[in-house]
N, C-alpha and C. Protein backbone atom coordinates (compact mmCIF):
# COMPACT_ATOMS: atom_id res chain seq x y z
N UNK A 1 -204.89 81.58 89.94
CA UNK A 1 -205.90 82.30 90.55
C UNK A 1 -205.82 82.08 92.10
N UNK A 2 -206.09 83.08 92.83
CA UNK A 2 -205.94 83.00 94.30
C UNK A 2 -207.23 83.23 94.95
N UNK A 3 -207.47 82.49 96.02
CA UNK A 3 -208.75 82.66 96.81
C UNK A 3 -208.42 82.90 98.30
N UNK A 4 -209.14 83.74 98.89
CA UNK A 4 -208.90 84.02 100.36
C UNK A 4 -209.95 83.20 101.11
N UNK A 5 -209.52 82.27 101.99
CA UNK A 5 -210.38 81.53 102.72
C UNK A 5 -209.73 81.16 104.08
N UNK A 6 -210.52 81.18 105.15
CA UNK A 6 -210.09 80.89 106.53
C UNK A 6 -208.84 81.75 106.89
N UNK A 7 -208.83 83.04 106.45
CA UNK A 7 -207.84 83.92 106.85
C UNK A 7 -206.49 83.70 106.08
N UNK A 8 -206.44 82.84 105.11
CA UNK A 8 -205.21 82.56 104.34
C UNK A 8 -205.51 82.79 102.85
N UNK A 9 -204.44 82.93 102.08
CA UNK A 9 -204.58 83.08 100.68
C UNK A 9 -204.10 81.75 99.97
N UNK A 10 -204.98 81.21 99.18
CA UNK A 10 -204.71 79.92 98.51
C UNK A 10 -204.64 80.05 97.01
N UNK A 11 -203.69 79.32 96.37
CA UNK A 11 -203.64 79.35 94.94
C UNK A 11 -204.34 78.14 94.43
N UNK A 12 -205.35 78.33 93.60
CA UNK A 12 -206.17 77.24 93.08
C UNK A 12 -205.86 76.98 91.57
N UNK A 13 -205.65 75.82 91.18
CA UNK A 13 -205.39 75.34 89.82
C UNK A 13 -206.68 75.23 89.10
N UNK A 14 -206.65 74.99 87.80
CA UNK A 14 -207.86 74.92 86.97
C UNK A 14 -208.72 73.80 87.35
N UNK A 15 -208.16 72.60 87.62
CA UNK A 15 -209.01 71.44 87.94
C UNK A 15 -209.68 71.60 89.26
N UNK A 16 -209.01 72.26 90.22
CA UNK A 16 -209.62 72.52 91.51
C UNK A 16 -210.69 73.50 91.33
N UNK A 17 -210.56 74.54 90.54
CA UNK A 17 -211.68 75.53 90.29
C UNK A 17 -212.89 74.80 89.76
N UNK A 18 -212.64 73.93 88.83
CA UNK A 18 -213.81 73.20 88.15
C UNK A 18 -214.60 72.30 89.14
N UNK A 19 -213.74 71.72 90.09
CA UNK A 19 -214.47 70.89 90.96
C UNK A 19 -215.08 71.57 92.17
N UNK A 20 -214.91 72.85 92.31
CA UNK A 20 -215.52 73.57 93.43
C UNK A 20 -217.02 73.76 93.24
N UNK A 21 -217.45 73.92 92.02
CA UNK A 21 -218.88 74.17 91.87
C UNK A 21 -219.77 73.01 92.22
N UNK A 22 -219.47 71.80 91.78
CA UNK A 22 -220.31 70.60 92.20
C UNK A 22 -220.27 70.43 93.72
N UNK A 23 -219.11 70.63 94.42
CA UNK A 23 -218.99 70.50 95.75
C UNK A 23 -219.83 71.55 96.54
N UNK A 24 -219.77 72.82 96.01
CA UNK A 24 -220.56 73.86 96.65
C UNK A 24 -222.03 73.63 96.39
N UNK A 25 -222.48 73.18 95.27
CA UNK A 25 -223.89 72.92 95.02
C UNK A 25 -224.36 71.76 95.93
N UNK A 26 -223.60 70.71 96.10
CA UNK A 26 -223.90 69.62 96.95
C UNK A 26 -224.11 70.12 98.38
N UNK A 27 -223.22 70.90 98.83
CA UNK A 27 -223.30 71.51 100.24
C UNK A 27 -224.53 72.38 100.40
N UNK A 28 -224.76 73.15 99.41
CA UNK A 28 -225.94 74.00 99.40
C UNK A 28 -227.27 73.14 99.48
N UNK A 29 -227.31 72.07 98.67
CA UNK A 29 -228.50 71.19 98.66
C UNK A 29 -228.68 70.64 100.08
N UNK A 30 -227.62 70.16 100.64
CA UNK A 30 -227.67 69.55 101.98
C UNK A 30 -228.17 70.49 103.03
N UNK A 31 -227.67 71.73 103.00
CA UNK A 31 -228.11 72.77 103.98
C UNK A 31 -229.54 73.14 103.75
N UNK A 32 -229.92 73.34 102.48
CA UNK A 32 -231.32 73.73 102.19
C UNK A 32 -232.27 72.59 102.54
N UNK A 33 -231.89 71.29 102.31
CA UNK A 33 -232.79 70.21 102.68
C UNK A 33 -233.03 70.23 104.17
N UNK A 34 -231.95 70.36 104.98
CA UNK A 34 -232.11 70.44 106.44
C UNK A 34 -233.03 71.59 106.85
N UNK A 35 -232.89 72.76 106.21
CA UNK A 35 -233.62 73.89 106.46
C UNK A 35 -235.08 73.65 106.19
N UNK A 36 -235.41 73.08 105.03
CA UNK A 36 -236.77 72.83 104.63
C UNK A 36 -237.39 71.91 105.61
N UNK A 37 -236.64 70.83 106.00
CA UNK A 37 -237.27 69.87 106.99
C UNK A 37 -237.54 70.58 108.32
N UNK A 38 -236.63 71.45 108.78
CA UNK A 38 -236.89 72.17 110.04
C UNK A 38 -238.13 73.12 109.92
N UNK A 39 -238.23 73.82 108.70
CA UNK A 39 -239.26 74.78 108.64
C UNK A 39 -240.65 74.09 108.34
N UNK A 40 -240.67 73.26 107.38
CA UNK A 40 -241.94 72.66 106.97
C UNK A 40 -242.26 71.32 107.59
N UNK A 41 -241.29 70.59 108.09
CA UNK A 41 -241.43 69.29 108.60
C UNK A 41 -241.05 68.14 107.64
N UNK A 42 -240.77 67.08 108.21
CA UNK A 42 -240.26 65.93 107.33
C UNK A 42 -241.46 65.31 106.49
N UNK A 43 -242.65 65.25 107.07
CA UNK A 43 -243.78 64.79 106.35
C UNK A 43 -244.03 65.55 105.09
N UNK A 44 -244.05 66.89 105.22
CA UNK A 44 -244.24 67.74 104.05
C UNK A 44 -243.08 67.57 103.04
N UNK A 45 -241.84 67.45 103.50
CA UNK A 45 -240.70 67.28 102.57
C UNK A 45 -240.91 65.96 101.81
N UNK A 46 -241.29 64.89 102.40
CA UNK A 46 -241.39 63.64 101.72
C UNK A 46 -242.61 63.57 100.85
N UNK A 47 -243.73 64.14 101.25
CA UNK A 47 -244.97 64.05 100.45
C UNK A 47 -245.15 65.08 99.38
N UNK A 48 -244.63 66.32 99.59
CA UNK A 48 -244.77 67.34 98.68
C UNK A 48 -243.51 67.67 97.88
N UNK A 49 -242.47 67.98 98.58
CA UNK A 49 -241.27 68.49 97.93
C UNK A 49 -240.64 67.46 97.11
N UNK A 50 -240.55 66.25 97.61
CA UNK A 50 -239.78 65.16 96.81
C UNK A 50 -240.59 64.81 95.52
N UNK A 51 -241.89 64.85 95.57
CA UNK A 51 -242.71 64.61 94.40
C UNK A 51 -242.52 65.66 93.28
N UNK A 52 -242.21 66.90 93.71
CA UNK A 52 -241.97 67.94 92.73
C UNK A 52 -240.47 67.87 92.21
N UNK A 53 -239.56 67.46 93.09
CA UNK A 53 -238.17 67.48 92.78
C UNK A 53 -237.77 66.29 91.92
N UNK A 54 -238.43 65.18 92.09
CA UNK A 54 -238.05 63.97 91.32
C UNK A 54 -238.01 64.19 89.86
N UNK A 55 -239.06 64.72 89.19
CA UNK A 55 -238.92 64.92 87.74
C UNK A 55 -237.88 65.94 87.40
N UNK A 56 -237.66 66.92 88.24
CA UNK A 56 -236.65 67.96 87.90
C UNK A 56 -235.29 67.28 87.91
N UNK A 57 -234.99 66.33 88.85
CA UNK A 57 -233.67 65.66 88.91
C UNK A 57 -233.51 64.74 87.73
N UNK A 58 -234.54 64.12 87.20
CA UNK A 58 -234.47 63.25 86.06
C UNK A 58 -234.12 64.09 84.80
N UNK A 59 -234.79 65.22 84.65
CA UNK A 59 -234.48 66.09 83.54
C UNK A 59 -233.05 66.61 83.60
N UNK A 60 -232.60 67.01 84.82
CA UNK A 60 -231.28 67.55 84.99
C UNK A 60 -230.18 66.47 84.58
N UNK A 61 -230.43 65.24 85.01
CA UNK A 61 -229.50 64.16 84.64
C UNK A 61 -229.53 63.94 83.12
N UNK A 62 -230.65 64.02 82.48
CA UNK A 62 -230.75 63.91 81.08
C UNK A 62 -229.99 64.99 80.37
N UNK A 63 -230.23 66.18 80.83
CA UNK A 63 -229.45 67.36 80.20
C UNK A 63 -227.93 67.18 80.37
N UNK A 64 -227.58 66.69 81.58
CA UNK A 64 -226.12 66.48 81.79
C UNK A 64 -225.56 65.48 80.84
N UNK A 65 -226.19 64.34 80.54
CA UNK A 65 -225.79 63.42 79.59
C UNK A 65 -225.73 63.94 78.21
N UNK A 66 -226.78 64.83 77.85
CA UNK A 66 -226.74 65.46 76.50
C UNK A 66 -225.45 66.33 76.40
N UNK A 67 -225.25 67.17 77.38
CA UNK A 67 -224.03 68.05 77.36
C UNK A 67 -222.80 67.27 77.28
N UNK A 68 -222.66 66.19 78.09
CA UNK A 68 -221.49 65.33 78.20
C UNK A 68 -221.19 64.77 76.78
N UNK A 69 -222.18 64.21 76.11
CA UNK A 69 -221.97 63.52 74.81
C UNK A 69 -221.81 64.56 73.76
N UNK A 70 -222.44 65.72 73.84
CA UNK A 70 -222.19 66.80 72.89
C UNK A 70 -220.85 67.38 72.83
N UNK A 71 -220.28 67.53 74.03
CA UNK A 71 -218.99 68.09 74.16
C UNK A 71 -217.93 67.10 73.96
N UNK A 72 -218.04 65.89 74.39
CA UNK A 72 -217.03 64.88 74.25
C UNK A 72 -217.36 63.71 73.36
N UNK A 73 -218.37 63.89 72.52
CA UNK A 73 -218.76 62.86 71.56
C UNK A 73 -217.70 62.47 70.58
N UNK A 74 -216.92 63.46 70.10
CA UNK A 74 -215.80 63.13 69.19
C UNK A 74 -214.82 62.20 69.80
N UNK A 75 -214.43 62.47 71.10
CA UNK A 75 -213.49 61.62 71.79
C UNK A 75 -214.10 60.29 72.01
N UNK A 76 -215.24 60.17 72.38
CA UNK A 76 -215.87 58.82 72.63
C UNK A 76 -215.96 58.08 71.35
N UNK A 77 -216.28 58.67 70.21
CA UNK A 77 -216.33 57.93 68.97
C UNK A 77 -214.92 57.60 68.43
N UNK A 78 -213.92 58.38 68.70
CA UNK A 78 -212.58 58.12 68.17
C UNK A 78 -211.93 57.02 69.04
N UNK A 79 -212.13 57.10 70.35
CA UNK A 79 -211.64 56.05 71.29
C UNK A 79 -212.68 55.51 72.19
N UNK A 80 -213.44 54.53 71.73
CA UNK A 80 -214.53 54.09 72.53
C UNK A 80 -214.19 53.36 73.77
N UNK A 81 -212.94 52.85 73.88
CA UNK A 81 -212.48 52.15 75.06
C UNK A 81 -212.25 53.18 76.19
N UNK A 82 -212.21 54.46 76.03
CA UNK A 82 -211.96 55.38 77.09
C UNK A 82 -213.13 55.46 78.04
N UNK A 83 -214.30 55.01 77.65
CA UNK A 83 -215.45 55.04 78.64
C UNK A 83 -215.58 53.80 79.45
N UNK A 84 -214.67 52.82 79.35
CA UNK A 84 -214.78 51.68 80.06
C UNK A 84 -214.12 51.87 81.40
């Protein structure tokens, strides 16, 4: 698969494509955090936004673990030393 970026054409392999989404989401979160702080202020961000976001992140991590073990559970049970 090819991607056009910075005026050049790049060939991207499968593993590189799969790693692009988490990197893009982290970048988006960083930019949106800075934007929210500029618009609403740091006090609002810490007092209101983080209190709403904290339960969401805990649920998201739990869902990630459930997906991880549901898709790779057979491998983990077959070779338990792979998780060390």
